[in-house]
Protein backbone atom coordinates (compact mmCIF):
# COMPACT_ATOMS: atom_id res chain seq x y z
CA UNK A 1 238.95 122.44 121.49
CA UNK A 2 238.08 118.92 121.85
CA UNK A 3 239.14 115.68 120.02
CA UNK A 4 239.17 115.31 116.70
CA UNK A 5 236.00 113.07 114.85
CA UNK A 6 238.71 110.62 113.97
CA UNK A 7 240.99 109.57 116.47
CA UNK A 8 242.23 106.32 114.47
CA UNK A 9 241.23 104.83 117.76
CA UNK A 10 237.36 103.55 116.66
CA UNK A 11 235.62 100.29 117.20
CA UNK A 12 236.85 97.23 115.06
CA UNK A 13 234.72 98.17 111.44
CA UNK A 14 235.28 97.06 107.93
CA UNK A 15 238.58 95.94 106.69
CA UNK A 16 239.10 99.08 104.69
CA UNK A 17 237.79 101.71 107.39
CA UNK A 18 240.95 99.74 109.39
CA UNK A 19 243.76 100.34 106.62
CA UNK A 20 242.30 103.63 106.32
CA UNK A 21 243.53 104.31 109.99
CA UNK A 22 246.27 102.56 110.09
CA UNK A 23 247.52 104.82 106.71
CA UNK A 24 246.04 107.93 108.40
CA UNK A 25 248.16 106.87 111.51
CA UNK A 26 251.36 106.22 110.32
CA UNK A 27 251.23 109.35 107.82
CA UNK A 28 250.96 111.70 110.93
CA UNK A 29 253.91 109.73 112.79
CA UNK A 30 256.25 109.91 109.39
CA UNK A 31 255.68 113.58 109.91
CA UNK A 32 257.34 113.70 113.35
CA UNK A 33 260.90 114.73 113.03
CA UNK A 34 263.21 113.08 115.55
CA UNK A 35 266.14 113.40 113.89
CA UNK A 36 266.60 117.01 112.67
CA UNK A 37 269.29 118.76 114.93
CA UNK A 38 267.27 120.80 117.12
CA UNK A 39 270.00 123.75 117.86
CA UNK A 40 269.60 124.43 113.68
CA UNK A 41 267.82 127.66 113.36
CA UNK A 42 264.37 127.05 111.53
CA UNK A 43 264.39 128.01 107.42
CA UNK A 44 261.10 130.33 106.35
CA UNK A 45 260.02 130.16 102.72
CA UNK A 46 256.88 129.88 100.98
CA UNK A 47 257.70 125.83 100.90
CA UNK A 48 258.43 125.12 104.49
CA UNK A 49 255.74 127.58 105.69
CA UNK A 50 252.83 126.15 103.40
CA UNK A 51 253.91 122.85 102.95
CA UNK A 52 256.07 121.64 106.00
CA UNK A 53 257.04 118.20 105.56
CA UNK A 54 258.32 117.32 108.81
CA UNK A 55 258.08 118.98 112.40
CA UNK A 56 260.70 121.20 113.83
CA UNK A 57 262.21 121.41 117.04
CA UNK A 58 264.02 124.26 117.65
CA UNK A 59 266.18 124.63 120.73
CA UNK A 60 268.18 128.09 121.02
CA UNK A 61 271.87 126.68 121.47
CA UNK A 62 273.20 128.28 124.96
CA UNK A 63 276.71 128.71 123.30
CA UNK A 64 277.61 129.64 119.71
CA UNK A 65 281.04 130.71 118.11
CA UNK A 66 282.54 133.95 119.17
CA UNK A 67 281.38 136.79 117.07
CA UNK A 68 284.05 138.10 114.04
CA UNK A 69 284.36 141.34 116.26
CA UNK A 70 285.62 139.15 119.23
CA UNK A 71 287.85 137.17 117.03
CA UNK A 72 290.17 140.42 116.01
CA UNK A 73 290.43 142.31 118.77
CA UNK A 74 294.48 143.25 119.29
CA UNK A 75 295.79 141.41 121.73
CA UNK A 76 296.85 144.94 123.59
CA UNK A 77 293.28 145.69 124.20
CA UNK A 78 293.17 146.44 128.64
CA UNK A 79 289.96 144.17 129.05
CA UNK A 80 289.33 141.14 126.45
CA UNK A 81 285.61 140.00 127.16
CA UNK A 82 285.60 136.58 128.18
CA UNK A 83 283.62 134.21 126.71
CA UNK A 84 281.51 133.98 129.64
CA UNK A 85 280.59 137.00 129.87
CA UNK A 86 279.87 137.75 125.83
CA UNK A 87 278.68 134.21 124.88
CA UNK A 88 276.61 132.57 127.60
CA UNK A 89 272.73 133.82 127.80
CA UNK A 90 270.69 134.99 130.83
CA UNK A 91 269.38 131.27 132.00
CA UNK A 92 268.56 130.14 135.41
CA UNK A 93 269.81 126.66 136.54
CA UNK A 94 265.84 125.40 136.38
CA UNK A 95 265.43 126.42 132.95
CA UNK A 96 268.69 125.03 131.79
CA UNK A 97 267.73 121.33 133.56
CA UNK A 98 264.37 121.82 131.29
CA UNK A 99 266.22 122.62 128.29
CA UNK A 100 268.37 119.71 127.89
CA UNK A 101 265.25 117.60 129.22
CA UNK A 102 263.14 118.89 125.96
CA UNK A 103 265.91 117.87 123.55
CA UNK A 104 263.36 114.68 123.79
CA UNK A 105 260.06 116.79 123.21
CA UNK A 106 258.00 115.12 120.44
CA UNK A 107 253.93 114.95 119.88
CA UNK A 108 252.13 112.00 121.84
CA UNK A 109 249.51 111.80 118.50
CA UNK A 110 249.66 112.72 114.94
CA UNK A 111 246.40 114.81 116.04
CA UNK A 112 248.12 117.39 118.41
CA UNK A 113 246.41 120.08 116.59
CA UNK A 114 243.31 118.92 117.22
CA UNK A 115 243.60 117.61 121.50
CA UNK A 116 243.77 119.43 124.31
CA UNK A 117 247.62 120.94 125.13
CA UNK A 118 248.39 118.78 127.82
CA UNK A 119 247.47 116.07 125.63
CA UNK A 120 249.04 116.69 122.44
CA UNK A 121 253.09 115.92 123.57
CA UNK A 122 255.12 113.56 125.87
CA UNK A 123 254.70 115.55 128.82
CA UNK A 124 255.28 112.63 131.21
CA UNK A 125 258.40 111.60 129.49
CA UNK A 126 260.40 115.15 130.29
CA UNK A 127 261.99 114.44 133.63
CA UNK A 128 264.08 117.08 135.63
CA UNK A 129 265.78 116.87 139.13
CA UNK A 130 264.06 116.04 141.58
CA UNK A 131 265.32 119.05 143.91
CA UNK A 132 264.26 121.69 141.58
CA UNK A 133 261.30 123.89 141.17
CA UNK A 134 260.10 126.18 138.54
CA UNK A 135 257.39 127.53 136.30
CA UNK A 136 257.55 128.71 132.42
CA UNK A 137 254.97 130.49 130.31
CA UNK A 138 253.76 128.32 127.16
CA UNK A 139 252.02 129.70 124.10
CA UNK A 140 250.16 127.91 121.81
CA UNK A 141 249.06 128.80 118.34
CA UNK A 142 246.22 126.77 116.64
CA UNK A 143 246.12 127.72 112.76
CA UNK A 144 244.35 126.60 109.74
CA UNK A 145 245.57 128.73 106.55
CA UNK A 146 243.02 129.94 104.12
CA UNK A 147 243.52 128.06 100.67
CA UNK A 148 245.20 130.02 98.10
CA UNK A 149 246.08 132.51 100.38
CA UNK A 150 249.82 134.84 100.04
CA UNK A 151 251.96 133.72 101.46
CA UNK A 152 255.03 135.58 100.53
CA UNK A 153 254.70 138.74 103.02
CA UNK A 154 253.92 136.20 105.53
CA UNK A 155 256.89 134.01 105.55
CA UNK A 156 259.05 136.90 105.53
CA UNK A 157 257.55 138.65 108.14
CA UNK A 158 257.61 135.21 110.24
CA UNK A 159 261.51 134.53 109.39
CA UNK A 160 261.98 138.18 111.55
CA UNK A 161 259.54 137.45 113.92
CA UNK A 162 261.87 134.20 114.80
CA UNK A 163 265.25 136.30 114.79
CA UNK A 164 263.51 138.45 117.04
CA UNK A 165 262.60 136.27 119.29
CA UNK A 166 265.64 134.45 119.71
CA UNK A 167 267.66 137.97 120.04
CA UNK A 168 265.18 139.11 122.11
CA UNK A 169 266.69 136.16 125.22
CA UNK A 170 264.08 134.20 126.76
CA UNK A 171 262.74 131.60 124.33
CA UNK A 172 263.51 127.82 125.88
CA UNK A 173 261.50 126.17 122.56
CA UNK A 174 260.10 126.64 119.62
CA UNK A 175 258.10 123.95 118.07
CA UNK A 176 256.50 123.45 114.63
CA UNK A 177 253.85 121.07 113.18
CA UNK A 178 252.64 120.01 110.52
CA UNK A 179 248.88 120.49 109.23
CA UNK A 180 246.52 117.50 109.26
CA UNK A 181 246.04 116.52 105.61
CA UNK A 182 242.03 115.87 107.14
CA UNK A 183 241.03 119.25 108.71
CA UNK A 184 243.95 121.52 107.90
CA UNK A 185 244.56 122.38 111.18
CA UNK A 186 248.16 123.21 112.86
CA UNK A 187 249.74 123.58 116.15
CA UNK A 188 252.41 125.88 117.00
CA UNK A 189 254.43 126.26 120.57
CA UNK A 190 256.69 128.45 122.69
CA UNK A 191 258.03 128.06 125.67
CA UNK A 192 259.22 131.06 126.97
CA UNK A 193 261.30 131.99 130.65
CA UNK A 194 258.70 134.36 131.68
CA UNK A 195 255.68 135.93 130.34
CA UNK A 196 257.84 139.24 130.40
CA UNK A 197 260.03 137.48 128.16
CA UNK A 198 257.24 136.32 125.65
CA UNK A 199 255.58 140.02 125.92
CA UNK A 200 258.45 142.10 125.46
CA UNK A 201 259.62 140.22 121.89
CA UNK A 202 255.83 140.35 121.14
CA UNK A 203 256.34 143.84 121.13
CA UNK A 204 258.82 144.04 118.29
CA UNK A 205 257.79 145.19 115.00
CA UNK A 206 258.12 142.30 113.00
CA UNK A 207 256.05 139.83 115.24
CA UNK A 208 253.43 142.57 115.06
CA UNK A 209 253.23 142.44 111.54
CA UNK A 210 253.39 138.78 111.18
CA UNK A 211 250.49 139.05 113.78
CA UNK A 212 248.79 141.41 111.25
CA UNK A 213 249.18 139.14 108.14
CA UNK A 214 248.16 136.00 110.05
CA UNK A 215 244.45 137.56 110.80
CA UNK A 216 244.59 137.81 106.69
CA UNK A 217 246.06 134.73 105.58
CA UNK A 218 244.60 132.19 108.22
CA UNK A 219 240.57 130.91 108.32
CA UNK A 220 241.17 129.96 112.32
CA UNK A 221 244.38 131.52 113.92
CA UNK A 222 243.48 131.14 118.17
CA UNK A 223 246.07 132.08 120.66
CA UNK A 224 246.40 130.05 124.19
CA UNK A 225 248.28 130.18 127.36
CA UNK A 226 249.82 127.61 129.49
CA UNK A 227 252.15 127.34 132.54
CA UNK A 228 254.30 124.40 132.66
CA UNK A 229 255.04 123.53 136.06
CA UNK A 230 257.91 121.66 137.79
CA UNK A 231 257.50 120.81 142.03
CA UNK A 232 260.09 119.79 144.41
CA UNK A 233 259.82 116.61 145.19
CA UNK A 234 258.69 115.34 141.92
CA UNK A 235 260.82 114.65 138.50
CA UNK A 236 257.93 115.34 136.19
CA UNK A 237 256.18 118.47 134.82
CA UNK A 238 252.25 119.50 134.15
CA UNK A 239 250.64 121.65 132.26
CA UNK A 240 248.51 124.26 134.14
CA UNK A 241 245.92 126.95 132.52
CA UNK A 242 247.18 130.25 132.96
CA UNK A 243 246.46 132.02 135.41
CA UNK A 244 247.00 135.57 134.67
CA UNK A 245 249.88 136.05 137.17
CA UNK A 246 253.96 135.94 136.56
CA UNK A 247 255.94 132.56 136.59
CA UNK A 248 257.23 131.70 139.73
CA UNK A 249 260.95 131.09 140.22
């Protein structure tokens, strides 16, 4: 998908045009939320799904509070599970470095839903240790809702599908944007430890239901796949087209 017709970078024209561009750019930047706690589970309801006021960055926390069952285990239990056995997810060291870097993840332009994925976010600003090397699997959804479509069943399915993905494991980041006020286009993206993790999450019943409901709730709903690559000897990451093979790590 190419650049939008108006990127806010047109050649100088009338004062009214320049003022309009500045207003549109400011409004888009205000919707980029850089203050929300990225470890807080997003809220899915009819309002947040159809009329989001700011972007959402979600990074599943690597540590959580002990489950209730663990807190009430009797002291006489012969083998009490340790916190590391019970609470730490299965995450490799390089993915942990990416998790830390993604705390600074944000759009590079308010037109993120219309520009190429590699231009939509601040990928060049993300840095990992130089001696690390790995690839990750990225999924991108570009969408445009049908005006007046029933959002109730869809947001309920989306909420449950998101919970499925988190419990499935392997999800490193989830990001959800705000529809462009002129075009109605929006973008959501996930980064997974591997394609296998994403496929496993997508096979759960709530995700399948959410995809079926999306087909009748959106005028446009396209899926793109990429690899996020970190090469040894470099600190930065790059976005590459998905070539059909599993990520290398």
